[in-house]
Protein backbone atom coordinates (compact mmCIF):
# COMPACT_ATOMS: atom_id res chain seq x y z
CA MET A 1 30.22 16.02 28.79
CA PHE A 2 28.59 12.72 29.29
CA LEU A 3 31.77 10.61 29.47
CA SER A 4 31.89 11.16 33.24
CA PHE A 5 28.68 9.14 33.28
CA CYS A 6 30.52 5.90 32.52
CA GLN A 7 32.81 6.35 35.56
CA ARG A 8 30.00 5.61 37.98
CA PRO A 9 29.92 2.10 39.44
CA SER A 10 26.37 1.02 38.67
CA TRP A 11 26.05 -1.61 35.94
CA SER A 12 23.01 0.11 34.46
CA ASN A 13 25.05 3.21 33.63
CA TYR A 14 26.53 1.41 30.63
CA THR A 15 23.28 1.19 28.72
CA LEU A 16 22.15 4.64 29.87
CA LEU A 17 25.43 6.06 28.58
CA PHE A 18 24.83 4.77 25.08
CA ALA A 19 21.25 5.92 25.14
CA LYS A 20 22.40 9.42 25.98
CA THR A 21 25.26 9.25 23.46
CA GLN A 22 22.92 8.94 20.50
CA PHE A 23 21.43 12.33 21.23
CA PHE A 24 24.44 14.16 22.66
CA ASN A 25 26.44 13.53 19.48
CA ARG A 26 23.95 15.58 17.50
CA TRP A 27 24.46 18.82 19.38
CA ASN A 28 28.06 18.36 20.57
CA LEU A 29 29.06 18.41 16.91
CA PHE A 30 28.09 22.08 16.87
CA PHE A 31 31.29 22.99 18.64
CA ILE A 32 33.44 19.85 18.20
CA CYS A 33 33.30 19.04 14.47
CA PRO A 34 32.80 22.10 12.30
CA LEU A 35 33.82 20.23 9.18
CA ASP A 36 30.35 19.06 8.24
CA ARG A 37 28.47 22.20 9.12
CA PHE A 38 30.32 24.97 7.34
CA SER A 39 31.34 25.44 3.75
CA SER A 40 34.50 27.31 2.90
CA ARG A 41 32.43 29.55 0.64
CA GLN A 42 31.22 31.38 3.72
CA TYR A 43 34.66 32.80 4.40
CA LEU A 44 35.94 33.78 0.96
CA GLN A 45 36.20 37.38 -0.07
CA PRO A 46 33.83 38.44 -2.89
CA ASN A 47 36.71 39.15 -5.31
CA VAL A 48 38.04 35.58 -5.35
CA ARG A 49 37.37 33.81 -8.62
CA GLN A 50 34.74 31.06 -8.69
CA VAL A 51 37.27 28.42 -9.82
CA SER A 52 39.44 29.15 -6.79
CA THR A 53 36.42 28.87 -4.56
CA GLN A 54 35.54 25.48 -5.97
CA ARG A 55 39.09 24.16 -5.58
CA ILE A 56 39.34 25.25 -1.96
CA TYR A 57 35.92 23.83 -1.24
CA ALA A 58 36.79 20.49 -2.87
CA SER A 59 40.06 20.25 -0.94
CA ASN A 60 38.29 21.04 2.33
CA VAL A 61 35.72 18.33 1.68
CA GLN A 62 38.51 15.88 0.90
CA ILE A 63 40.41 16.77 4.08
CA GLY A 64 37.26 16.31 6.13
CA ALA A 65 36.57 12.88 4.63
CA LEU A 66 40.16 11.73 5.16
CA VAL A 67 40.17 12.94 8.77
CA ARG A 68 36.94 11.10 9.51
CA ALA A 69 38.48 7.93 8.03
CA GLY A 70 41.53 8.35 10.28
CA ASN A 71 43.86 8.87 7.30
CA LEU A 72 45.56 11.92 8.74
CA GLU A 73 48.80 11.62 6.79
CA VAL A 74 47.06 11.92 3.41
CA ALA A 75 44.81 14.69 4.75
CA ARG A 76 47.94 16.65 5.68
CA GLN A 77 49.38 16.12 2.20
CA VAL A 78 46.21 17.56 0.65
CA PHE A 79 46.40 20.51 3.06
CA ASP A 80 50.09 21.19 2.32
CA ARG A 81 49.49 21.09 -1.46
CA MET A 82 46.72 23.68 -1.36
CA PRO A 83 47.96 26.91 -3.08
CA LYS A 84 45.41 28.89 -1.08
CA ARG A 85 43.69 27.95 2.17
CA ASP A 86 40.78 29.48 4.01
CA VAL A 87 39.86 29.28 7.68
CA VAL A 88 37.88 26.08 7.11
CA SER A 89 41.00 24.40 5.71
CA TRP A 90 42.89 25.21 8.89
CA ASN A 91 39.95 24.23 11.11
CA ALA A 92 39.66 20.89 9.33
CA ILE A 93 43.30 19.90 9.67
CA PHE A 94 44.00 20.99 13.25
CA THR A 95 40.68 19.48 14.39
CA GLY A 96 41.69 16.24 12.69
CA TYR A 97 44.92 16.13 14.66
CA TRP A 98 43.30 16.37 18.10
CA GLN A 99 40.55 13.98 17.08
CA ASN A 100 43.25 11.41 16.28
CA GLY A 101 45.17 11.93 19.53
CA LEU A 102 47.88 14.28 18.21
CA PHE A 103 47.00 17.23 20.38
CA GLU A 104 50.36 19.01 20.42
CA GLU A 105 50.48 19.22 16.61
CA SER A 106 46.91 20.48 16.70
CA LYS A 107 47.93 23.29 19.06
CA ARG A 108 50.91 24.16 16.85
CA LEU A 109 48.72 24.46 13.75
CA PHE A 110 46.16 26.50 15.66
CA ASP A 111 48.89 28.99 16.66
CA LEU A 112 50.03 29.22 13.01
CA MET A 113 46.58 30.10 11.68
CA PRO A 114 46.65 33.47 9.90
CA LEU A 115 42.98 34.01 10.65
CA LYS A 116 40.81 32.38 13.30
CA ASN A 117 37.04 32.50 13.63
CA VAL A 118 34.82 31.55 16.56
CA ILE A 119 34.56 27.99 15.26
CA SER A 120 38.37 27.68 15.41
CA TRP A 121 38.36 28.64 19.08
CA ASN A 122 35.39 26.37 19.86
CA SER A 123 37.13 23.43 18.24
CA MET A 124 40.32 24.08 20.20
CA ILE A 125 38.34 24.16 23.45
CA ALA A 126 36.68 20.88 22.51
CA GLY A 127 40.11 19.39 21.70
CA CYS A 128 41.41 20.32 25.13
CA VAL A 129 38.37 18.76 26.78
CA GLN A 130 38.70 15.56 24.74
CA ASN A 131 42.39 15.28 25.66
CA ASP A 132 41.92 15.76 29.43
CA ARG A 133 43.18 19.36 29.49
CA ILE A 134 40.25 21.16 30.96
CA ASP A 135 42.37 24.00 32.43
CA GLU A 136 43.92 24.71 29.02
CA ALA A 137 40.42 24.71 27.57
CA TYR A 138 39.44 27.45 29.99
CA GLN A 139 42.57 29.46 29.06
CA TYR A 140 41.53 29.38 25.41
CA PHE A 141 38.00 30.32 26.42
CA THR A 142 39.22 33.43 28.29
CA LYS A 143 41.39 34.49 25.32
CA MET A 144 38.60 34.35 22.74
CA PRO A 145 38.09 37.71 21.04
CA GLU A 146 34.43 36.87 20.58
CA ARG A 147 32.16 34.08 21.80
CA ASN A 148 28.90 32.61 20.66
CA THR A 149 26.49 30.41 22.57
CA ALA A 150 28.32 27.31 21.36
CA SER A 151 31.54 28.64 22.97
CA TRP A 152 29.87 28.86 26.36
CA ASN A 153 28.23 25.47 25.90
CA ALA A 154 31.57 23.86 25.01
CA MET A 155 33.21 25.17 28.18
CA ILE A 156 30.27 24.35 30.43
CA SER A 157 30.14 20.88 28.91
CA GLY A 158 33.84 20.42 29.68
CA PHE A 159 33.42 21.40 33.31
CA VAL A 160 30.45 19.06 33.70
CA ARG A 161 32.38 16.22 32.10
CA TYR A 162 35.12 16.52 34.73
CA GLY A 163 32.73 16.96 37.63
CA ARG A 164 33.51 20.64 38.17
CA ILE A 165 29.87 21.54 38.53
CA GLU A 166 30.30 24.78 40.49
CA GLU A 167 32.50 26.25 37.74
CA ALA A 168 29.99 25.11 35.14
CA LYS A 169 27.22 26.74 37.17
CA ARG A 170 29.17 30.04 37.33
CA LEU A 171 29.61 30.13 33.55
CA PHE A 172 25.99 29.17 33.02
CA GLU A 173 24.87 32.13 35.12
CA GLU A 174 27.29 34.48 33.34
CA MET A 175 26.49 33.53 29.74
CA PRO A 176 24.54 36.25 27.94
CA GLN A 177 22.24 33.94 26.02
CA ARG A 178 21.30 30.33 26.70
CA ASN A 179 19.72 27.69 24.54
CA VAL A 180 18.32 24.23 25.20
CA ILE A 181 21.84 22.74 25.06
CA SER A 182 22.98 25.06 27.85
CA TYR A 183 20.09 24.04 30.10
CA THR A 184 20.42 20.34 29.31
CA THR A 185 24.15 20.36 30.05
CA MET A 186 23.57 21.90 33.48
CA ILE A 187 20.74 19.44 34.19
CA ASP A 188 23.20 16.64 33.49
CA GLY A 189 25.72 18.26 35.82
CA TYR A 190 23.28 18.62 38.68
CA THR A 191 22.12 15.00 38.36
CA GLN A 192 25.75 13.87 38.57
CA ILE A 193 26.12 15.34 42.05
CA GLY A 194 22.66 14.31 43.22
CA GLU A 195 21.07 17.76 43.15
CA ILE A 196 17.89 16.49 41.55
CA GLU A 197 15.65 19.35 42.69
CA ARG A 198 17.91 21.91 40.99
CA ALA A 199 18.01 19.78 37.87
CA ARG A 200 14.23 19.49 37.79
CA ALA A 201 13.80 23.23 38.31
CA LEU A 202 16.03 23.90 35.30
CA PHE A 203 14.19 21.28 33.28
CA ASP A 204 10.83 22.88 34.06
CA SER A 205 12.18 26.31 33.05
CA ILE A 206 13.03 25.18 29.49
CA ARG A 207 10.37 26.57 27.18
CA ARG A 208 11.09 24.30 24.25
CA LYS A 209 12.42 21.01 25.49
CA ASN A 210 13.97 18.60 23.02
CA ASP A 211 14.40 14.84 23.19
CA VAL A 212 17.79 15.17 24.88
CA SER A 213 16.35 17.29 27.69
CA TRP A 214 13.74 14.67 28.49
CA LEU A 215 16.27 11.86 28.27
CA VAL A 216 18.82 13.53 30.56
CA MET A 217 16.23 14.30 33.23
CA ILE A 218 14.72 10.80 33.10
CA SER A 219 18.20 9.25 33.22
CA GLY A 220 19.11 11.53 36.12
CA TYR A 221 16.22 10.17 38.15
CA ILE A 222 17.23 6.59 37.34
CA GLU A 223 20.89 7.20 38.22
CA ASN A 224 19.86 8.62 41.59
CA ASP A 225 17.54 5.69 42.41
CA MET A 226 14.37 7.74 41.96
CA PHE A 227 12.61 5.41 39.60
CA VAL A 228 9.07 6.47 40.55
CA ASP A 229 9.88 10.04 39.50
CA ALA A 230 11.53 8.77 36.32
CA ARG A 231 8.40 6.83 35.42
CA ALA A 232 6.15 9.83 36.14
CA LEU A 233 8.27 12.08 33.90
CA PHE A 234 8.42 9.42 31.20
CA ASP A 235 4.62 9.29 31.17
CA LEU A 236 4.57 13.07 30.55
CA MET A 237 6.97 12.87 27.60
CA PRO A 238 5.03 13.98 24.50
CA GLU A 239 6.81 11.71 22.02
CA LYS A 240 8.51 8.64 23.45
CA ASN A 241 11.43 7.61 21.27
CA VAL A 242 13.44 4.41 21.43
CA VAL A 243 16.25 6.06 23.43
CA ALA A 244 13.94 7.21 26.22
CA ILE A 245 12.19 3.84 26.29
CA THR A 246 15.59 2.15 26.55
CA ALA A 247 16.45 4.36 29.51
CA MET A 248 13.24 3.25 31.22
CA ILE A 249 14.01 -0.39 30.46
CA THR A 250 17.35 0.09 32.21
CA GLY A 251 15.53 1.67 35.15
CA TYR A 252 13.15 -1.27 35.47
CA CYS A 253 16.10 -3.70 35.27
CA LYS A 254 17.90 -1.76 37.98
CA GLU A 255 14.82 -2.11 40.18
CA GLY A 256 14.67 -5.84 39.44
CA LYS A 257 11.29 -5.48 37.68
CA MET A 258 12.17 -7.61 34.69
CA GLY A 259 8.54 -8.29 33.72
CA SER A 260 7.80 -4.57 33.32
CA ALA A 261 11.10 -4.08 31.47
CA ARG A 262 10.22 -6.84 29.04
CA ILE A 263 6.77 -5.37 28.37
CA LEU A 264 8.36 -2.03 27.42
CA PHE A 265 10.97 -3.79 25.32
CA ASP A 266 8.38 -5.80 23.40
CA GLU A 267 6.42 -2.61 22.66
CA ILE A 268 9.36 -1.09 20.74
CA GLN A 269 8.56 -1.51 17.06
CA HIS A 270 12.02 -0.73 15.73
CA LYS A 271 14.53 -2.00 18.28
CA ASP A 272 18.12 -0.87 17.95
CA LEU A 273 21.25 -2.52 19.32
CA VAL A 274 21.20 -0.39 22.48
CA SER A 275 17.67 -1.59 23.29
CA TRP A 276 18.68 -5.24 22.88
CA ASN A 277 21.79 -4.67 24.97
CA ALA A 278 19.79 -3.03 27.76
CA MET A 279 17.39 -5.97 27.98
CA ILE A 280 20.12 -8.61 27.75
CA ALA A 281 22.17 -6.79 30.40
CA GLY A 282 19.10 -6.60 32.64
CA TYR A 283 18.59 -10.36 32.51
CA ALA A 284 22.28 -11.05 33.06
CA GLN A 285 22.60 -8.71 36.04
CA ASN A 286 19.43 -10.01 37.65
CA GLY A 287 20.65 -13.60 37.52
CA ASP A 288 18.52 -14.83 34.62
CA GLY A 289 21.34 -15.95 32.37
CA GLU A 290 19.20 -18.36 30.38
CA GLU A 291 16.80 -15.61 29.30
CA ALA A 292 19.75 -13.37 28.38
CA LEU A 293 21.11 -16.07 26.07
CA LYS A 294 17.67 -16.70 24.55
CA LEU A 295 17.24 -12.99 23.83
CA HIS A 296 20.66 -12.91 22.21
CA SER A 297 19.58 -15.69 19.85
CA GLN A 298 16.48 -13.69 18.93
CA MET A 299 18.65 -10.64 18.29
CA LEU A 300 20.85 -12.58 15.89
CA LYS A 301 17.79 -13.86 14.02
CA MET A 302 16.73 -10.23 13.53
CA GLY A 303 20.04 -9.59 11.79
CA ILE A 304 21.49 -7.36 14.52
CA LYS A 305 25.21 -7.88 15.16
CA PRO A 306 26.45 -7.91 18.79
CA ASP A 307 28.96 -5.34 19.99
CA HIS A 308 31.29 -4.98 22.96
CA SER A 309 28.55 -4.42 25.54
CA THR A 310 26.56 -7.38 24.21
CA PHE A 311 29.49 -9.70 24.82
CA VAL A 312 30.05 -8.30 28.31
CA SER A 313 26.44 -9.10 29.23
CA LEU A 314 26.49 -12.54 27.58
CA LEU A 315 29.67 -13.58 29.36
CA THR A 316 28.20 -12.31 32.63
CA ALA A 317 25.16 -14.48 31.93
CA CYS A 318 27.35 -17.53 31.33
CA SER A 319 29.18 -16.82 34.60
CA SER A 320 25.93 -16.70 36.56
CA LEU A 321 24.53 -19.97 35.17
CA PRO A 322 27.38 -21.20 35.18
CA SER A 323 27.52 -22.76 31.72
CA LEU A 324 30.94 -23.64 30.33
CA LYS A 325 29.55 -24.83 26.98
CA GLU A 326 27.64 -21.59 26.37
CA GLY A 327 30.63 -19.57 27.56
CA ARG A 328 32.92 -21.25 25.04
CA GLU A 329 30.41 -20.68 22.26
CA ILE A 330 30.19 -16.98 23.11
CA HIS A 331 34.01 -16.86 23.24
CA LEU A 332 34.09 -18.25 19.70
CA VAL A 333 31.71 -15.51 18.53
CA VAL A 334 33.91 -12.94 20.29
CA VAL A 335 36.91 -14.15 18.26
CA LYS A 336 34.95 -14.16 15.00
CA SER A 337 33.75 -10.61 15.71
CA GLY A 338 37.29 -9.34 16.23
CA PHE A 339 37.04 -8.57 19.96
CA GLU A 340 39.53 -11.22 21.14
CA SER A 341 42.21 -8.58 21.85
CA ASP A 342 39.85 -6.22 23.72
CA ILE A 343 41.23 -6.18 27.26
CA SER A 344 37.87 -5.66 28.99
CA ILE A 345 36.43 -8.65 27.11
CA CYS A 346 39.49 -10.74 28.03
CA ASN A 347 39.08 -9.76 31.68
CA ILE A 348 35.49 -10.94 31.81
CA LEU A 349 36.46 -14.12 29.93
CA ILE A 350 38.94 -14.88 32.72
CA THR A 351 36.18 -14.45 35.29
CA MET A 352 33.67 -16.45 33.26
CA TYR A 353 35.96 -19.46 32.83
CA SER A 354 36.96 -19.52 36.50
CA LYS A 355 33.32 -19.34 37.63
CA CYS A 356 32.44 -22.13 35.18
CA GLY A 357 35.13 -24.33 36.73
CA SER A 358 37.82 -24.11 34.04
CA ILE A 359 40.71 -22.22 35.61
CA SER A 360 42.99 -23.62 32.87
CA ASP A 361 41.02 -21.65 30.26
CA SER A 362 41.33 -18.56 32.47
CA GLU A 363 45.11 -19.04 32.45
CA ILE A 364 45.14 -19.28 28.64
CA VAL A 365 43.12 -16.07 28.20
CA PHE A 366 45.29 -14.21 30.73
CA GLY A 367 48.43 -15.37 28.90
CA LEU A 368 47.13 -13.91 25.63
CA ILE A 369 46.84 -10.38 27.06
CA ASN A 370 49.84 -8.30 25.98
CA CYS A 371 49.69 -5.75 28.78
CA PRO A 372 47.42 -6.92 31.62
CA ASP A 373 45.90 -4.09 33.65
CA ILE A 374 44.89 -4.17 37.32
CA VAL A 375 41.51 -5.67 36.41
CA SER A 376 43.23 -8.52 34.53
CA TRP A 377 45.49 -9.34 37.47
CA ASN A 378 42.61 -9.15 39.93
CA ALA A 379 40.50 -11.46 37.75
CA ILE A 380 43.13 -14.21 37.48
CA ILE A 381 44.08 -13.97 41.18
CA ALA A 382 40.38 -14.20 42.05
CA GLY A 383 40.09 -17.27 39.82
CA TYR A 384 42.92 -19.05 41.63
CA ALA A 385 41.43 -17.99 44.96
CA GLN A 386 38.04 -19.40 44.03
CA HIS A 387 39.64 -22.74 43.17
CA GLY A 388 41.65 -22.85 46.41
CA HIS A 389 45.08 -22.30 44.83
CA TYR A 390 46.52 -20.06 47.53
CA GLU A 391 50.18 -20.38 46.49
CA LYS A 392 49.43 -19.54 42.84
CA ALA A 393 47.34 -16.55 43.87
CA LEU A 394 50.15 -15.36 46.12
CA GLY A 395 52.73 -15.83 43.34
CA LEU A 396 50.64 -13.79 40.93
CA PHE A 397 50.30 -11.02 43.50
CA HIS A 398 54.09 -10.66 43.66
CA GLU A 399 54.43 -11.00 39.87
CA MET A 400 51.91 -8.20 39.45
CA GLU A 401 54.01 -5.90 41.61
CA LEU A 402 57.15 -6.83 39.64
CA ASN A 403 55.30 -5.69 36.51
CA GLY A 404 54.75 -2.27 38.04
CA ILE A 405 51.06 -2.71 38.87
CA LYS A 406 50.12 -1.44 42.31
CA PRO A 407 47.53 -3.61 44.12
CA ASP A 408 44.22 -2.02 45.08
CA GLY A 409 41.43 -2.91 47.49
CA ILE A 410 40.00 -5.51 45.12
CA THR A 411 43.40 -7.21 44.84
CA PHE A 412 43.58 -7.64 48.60
CA LEU A 413 40.00 -8.87 48.67
CA THR A 414 40.94 -11.63 46.21
CA VAL A 415 43.97 -12.56 48.34
CA LEU A 416 41.79 -12.70 51.47
CA SER A 417 39.37 -14.86 49.50
CA ALA A 418 42.27 -17.21 48.67
CA CYS A 419 43.04 -17.40 52.39
CA ASP A 420 39.35 -18.15 53.06
CA HIS A 421 39.18 -21.00 50.54
CA SER A 422 42.46 -22.47 51.82
CA GLY A 423 41.85 -22.04 55.57
CA LYS A 424 44.82 -19.68 55.99
CA VAL A 425 43.76 -17.93 59.21
CA LYS A 426 47.10 -16.49 60.34
CA GLU A 427 47.99 -15.39 56.82
CA SER A 428 44.63 -13.65 56.37
CA ILE A 429 45.24 -11.45 59.42
CA GLU A 430 48.74 -10.63 58.13
CA TRP A 431 47.40 -9.69 54.69
CA PHE A 432 44.64 -7.58 56.24
CA ASN A 433 47.19 -5.65 58.33
CA THR A 434 49.55 -5.32 55.35
CA MET A 435 46.79 -3.79 53.26
CA ARG A 436 45.95 -1.30 55.97
CA ASN A 437 49.40 -0.41 57.31
CA VAL A 438 51.84 -0.92 54.42
CA TYR A 439 49.71 -0.05 51.38
CA GLU A 440 47.51 2.39 53.32
CA ILE A 441 44.29 1.04 51.80
CA ALA A 442 41.28 1.56 54.07
CA PRO A 443 39.37 -1.73 54.50
CA ARG A 444 35.82 -1.70 53.17
CA ALA A 445 32.84 -3.73 54.36
CA GLU A 446 33.71 -6.65 52.09
CA HIS A 447 37.25 -6.89 53.54
CA TYR A 448 35.89 -7.07 57.07
CA ALA A 449 33.24 -9.58 55.96
CA CYS A 450 35.90 -11.84 54.44
CA LEU A 451 38.11 -11.69 57.53
CA VAL A 452 35.16 -12.39 59.85
CA ASP A 453 34.20 -15.34 57.67
CA ILE A 454 37.73 -16.79 57.85
CA LEU A 455 37.88 -16.47 61.64
CA SER A 456 34.34 -17.80 62.05
CA ARG A 457 34.99 -20.87 59.90
CA ALA A 458 38.07 -21.57 62.01
CA GLY A 459 35.95 -21.47 65.19
CA GLN A 460 37.56 -18.26 66.45
CA LEU A 461 34.21 -16.63 67.16
CA ASP A 462 35.42 -14.27 69.86
CA GLU A 463 38.17 -12.95 67.58
CA ALA A 464 35.64 -12.51 64.77
CA TYR A 465 33.35 -10.56 67.09
CA LYS A 466 36.27 -8.33 68.16
CA ILE A 467 36.96 -7.54 64.50
CA ILE A 468 33.31 -6.55 64.03
CA GLN A 469 33.50 -4.23 67.05
CA GLN A 470 36.57 -2.54 65.52
CA ILE A 471 34.82 -1.68 62.23
CA PRO A 472 34.73 2.15 61.95
CA PHE A 473 31.27 2.06 60.32
CA GLU A 474 28.06 0.13 60.85
CA ALA A 475 28.53 -3.54 60.02
CA ASP A 476 26.11 -4.88 57.42
CA ALA A 477 24.56 -8.30 56.77
CA ARG A 478 27.69 -9.51 54.94
CA VAL A 479 29.61 -9.22 58.21
CA TRP A 480 27.02 -10.59 60.66
CA GLY A 481 25.89 -13.48 58.42
CA PRO A 482 29.14 -15.55 58.58
CA LEU A 483 29.31 -15.09 62.36
CA LEU A 484 25.75 -16.33 62.83
CA ALA A 485 26.37 -19.34 60.59
CA ALA A 486 29.47 -20.24 62.60
CA CYS A 487 27.57 -19.85 65.85
CA ARG A 488 25.24 -22.60 64.68
CA VAL A 489 28.15 -24.91 63.87
CA HIS A 490 29.91 -24.25 67.18
CA LEU A 491 26.71 -23.85 69.25
CA ASN A 492 27.55 -20.40 70.59
CA VAL A 493 24.11 -19.22 71.74
CA GLU A 494 25.23 -15.89 73.18
CA LEU A 495 27.03 -14.61 70.07
CA GLY A 496 24.36 -16.20 67.89
CA GLU A 497 21.69 -14.09 69.56
CA ILE A 498 23.77 -10.93 69.07
CA ALA A 499 24.40 -11.66 65.40
CA ALA A 500 20.77 -12.66 64.73
CA ASN A 501 19.41 -9.52 66.38
CA GLU A 502 21.70 -7.33 64.27
CA LEU A 503 20.64 -9.14 61.11
CA VAL A 504 16.94 -8.76 61.97
CA LYS A 505 17.50 -5.00 62.40
CA LEU A 506 19.18 -4.81 58.99
CA GLU A 507 16.83 -7.17 57.12
CA PRO A 508 13.60 -7.56 59.11
CA GLN A 509 11.85 -9.58 56.39
CA ASN A 510 14.73 -11.97 55.72
CA SER A 511 13.87 -15.37 57.18
CA GLY A 512 17.49 -16.54 57.33
CA ALA A 513 18.38 -14.97 60.68
CA TYR A 514 15.20 -16.26 62.37
CA ILE A 515 15.68 -19.81 61.09
CA MET A 516 19.40 -19.91 61.87
CA LEU A 517 18.85 -18.74 65.47
CA SER A 518 15.95 -21.17 65.84
CA ASN A 519 18.26 -23.97 64.74
CA ILE A 520 20.87 -22.88 67.29
CA TYR A 521 18.22 -22.99 70.04
CA ALA A 522 17.07 -26.42 68.85
CA ALA A 523 20.62 -27.82 68.85
CA ALA A 524 21.08 -26.49 72.40
CA GLY A 525 17.77 -28.03 73.52
CA MET A 526 16.17 -24.63 74.16
CA TRP A 527 12.77 -25.60 72.78
CA GLY A 528 10.91 -22.72 74.39
CA ASP A 529 13.07 -20.27 72.46
CA VAL A 530 12.49 -22.28 69.28
CA THR A 531 8.73 -21.82 69.74
CA ARG A 532 9.26 -18.12 70.51
CA MET A 533 11.26 -17.58 67.27
CA ARG A 534 8.60 -19.30 65.16
CA GLY A 535 5.93 -17.15 66.79
CA LEU A 536 7.97 -14.03 66.15
CA MET A 537 8.30 -14.94 62.46
CA LYS A 538 4.53 -15.37 62.21
CA GLU A 539 3.91 -12.12 64.09
CA GLN A 540 6.26 -10.18 61.79
CA GLY A 541 4.84 -11.82 58.66
CA VAL A 542 8.19 -13.33 57.74
CA LYS A 543 8.00 -16.33 55.43
CA LYS A 544 10.71 -18.89 54.90
CA GLN A 545 12.41 -18.35 51.57
CA PRO A 546 12.95 -21.51 49.49
CA GLY A 547 16.48 -22.45 48.54
CA TYR A 548 17.52 -22.60 44.89
CA SER A 549 20.14 -24.65 43.08
CA TRP A 550 20.98 -25.67 39.54
CA ILE A 551 23.22 -28.10 37.68
CA GLU A 552 24.25 -28.46 34.03
CA VAL A 553 23.85 -31.97 32.60
CA ALA A 554 24.33 -32.81 28.91
CA ASN A 555 24.47 -29.09 27.97
CA LYS A 556 21.15 -28.38 29.73
CA VAL A 557 20.73 -26.39 32.94
CA HIS A 558 18.33 -27.96 35.48
CA SER A 559 16.99 -25.63 38.21
CA PHE A 560 15.55 -26.69 41.57
CA SER A 561 13.90 -24.96 44.53
CA GLY A 562 12.98 -26.19 47.99
CA GLY A 563 9.80 -28.30 47.92
CA ASP A 564 9.57 -28.17 44.13
CA ILE A 565 8.42 -31.47 42.55
CA SER A 566 7.82 -30.19 39.01
CA HIS A 567 10.96 -31.73 37.47
CA PRO A 568 9.96 -34.52 35.04
CA GLU A 569 12.46 -36.91 36.65
CA ILE A 570 11.75 -36.00 40.28
CA GLY A 571 11.15 -39.67 41.20
CA LYS A 572 14.60 -40.72 40.03
CA ILE A 573 16.14 -37.72 41.79
CA HIS A 574 14.53 -38.61 45.13
CA LEU A 575 15.59 -42.25 44.75
CA GLN A 576 19.20 -41.26 44.11
CA LEU A 577 19.17 -38.93 47.12
CA GLN A 578 17.93 -41.75 49.31
CA ARG A 579 20.78 -43.96 48.09
CA ILE A 580 23.33 -41.27 48.83
CA GLY A 581 21.81 -40.73 52.29
CA LEU A 582 22.01 -44.45 53.10
CA GLN A 583 25.63 -44.59 51.98
CA MET A 584 26.48 -41.62 54.21
CA LYS A 585 24.83 -43.36 57.17
CA MET A 586 26.59 -46.65 56.53
CA PHE A 587 30.10 -45.45 55.75
CA TYR A 588 30.42 -42.07 57.46
CA GLY A 589 28.14 -42.39 60.48
CA CYS A 590 25.91 -39.43 59.53
CA GLU A 591 22.93 -40.53 61.59
CA ASP A 592 21.12 -37.20 61.30
CA ILE A 593 20.69 -37.60 57.52
CA GLU A 594 17.03 -38.01 56.53
CA THR A 595 16.35 -40.75 53.98
């Protein structure tokens, strides 16, 4: 049911997914894994001897244990040697097959069963859902001689998992008796398609809500960017458990309120791995890589071992710093933890190394992947693009196609980026048209932004403006920003005014557009307009945002902001800048450099 959750693009969904998983597993087992819930003694006839009952029961327990351990071959041997089997024996073995990816054999055994009970049918429905056969699941559901509430829940859950909410709704309305699982499943479905009011109405109608109900509704608000409502509902929750608190931490991180997220995190007495991951991911995604790495160190001191999602966040943090030393150390831990062959980890390692300036390490990681997927190819092409290696990026694009991987929109964005870093204006237009006309991929805002940036950097401002006018949707700040910056370089007042006005409409409190246009006016000697822009900033309450930069020296990251003099070696830094400025004046004729 909840696996559709991880297909959404937002980074915060990852931690919310695991928070929800902890609870969903408890009640999904009702119709997915009957092995632990039912003893074979329930289905034996009264005249069977006690010794026979004990043998069948012992064999069933053994089969269940072997299936859970993934040792299906031995489990089948135990099943085949049983002189007498009951319905639990059959349920255990055919369920084991679909749980281990052998769905066809599971179906064959199900058809051979001499006697089926409602749990048999429920398990078969769950197997279909788990193996992406939702229509077959519904066929089994319609053939059931009898159904219980778990049968309906299994089918509704399947429809919700695959986004078929209307069909789930129809079954929900038809089912003769509902329980809290039924309601919670439909709440999850409604939140997936943004129908929050319907979800809340169902939530309010549940007489006895459980922890999962509260979690799903709170998470639904967070997923749909309704954090205020999520917080209000969280405050009403009678008993706040670690899973719900983790969901709220993710919500705060998504809103960029890291201070509030940290307060909640610190209040958790017994933190689990998901809580640590949520907080680390929040820091990484909000650009505070140093704090993410510090928190990871604290987690290790508490004896908690990192998992896949921890490494994803840590490598993202290293990419944002960027810190090659820390990245290599995390890579070493990845290898020691046995995740070196995980393709998603390898993909982010490629990105991390390229962002940290070591494209050679990116090449090594890419070469170790047995079967690169589209994300792998996109990552390595992007790495070459970032480092200005246009020919290598182009060669990899063709190699990717030879390996049977079809390029997507991200692939073409990386190629356009390679054109941008290499000044390939003509080629960028050809690639843009190839994407649209040959591969029939509709350009998104980022494709247009990249093309406008390429043309603007090349001084082709009129062509860039024509591209903007051809965009079939409203251009955003990513498109207008490069044009405005180029207008300053090439002193195009007319287009600069157009771009600045559009940016002010989109981001009225962003000082960048005001300052850039003011600089254009100043360079053109239009001092009256410079005064007007400064007055407009004051009138609108817009304040100039300080610039930030950082550099890693001797394994330590030093951060700087405009006007900041707090660095302990600020005197030496200013002196060195003055020396550089004098050298630029003397040898390169940069008379406008302030020393």
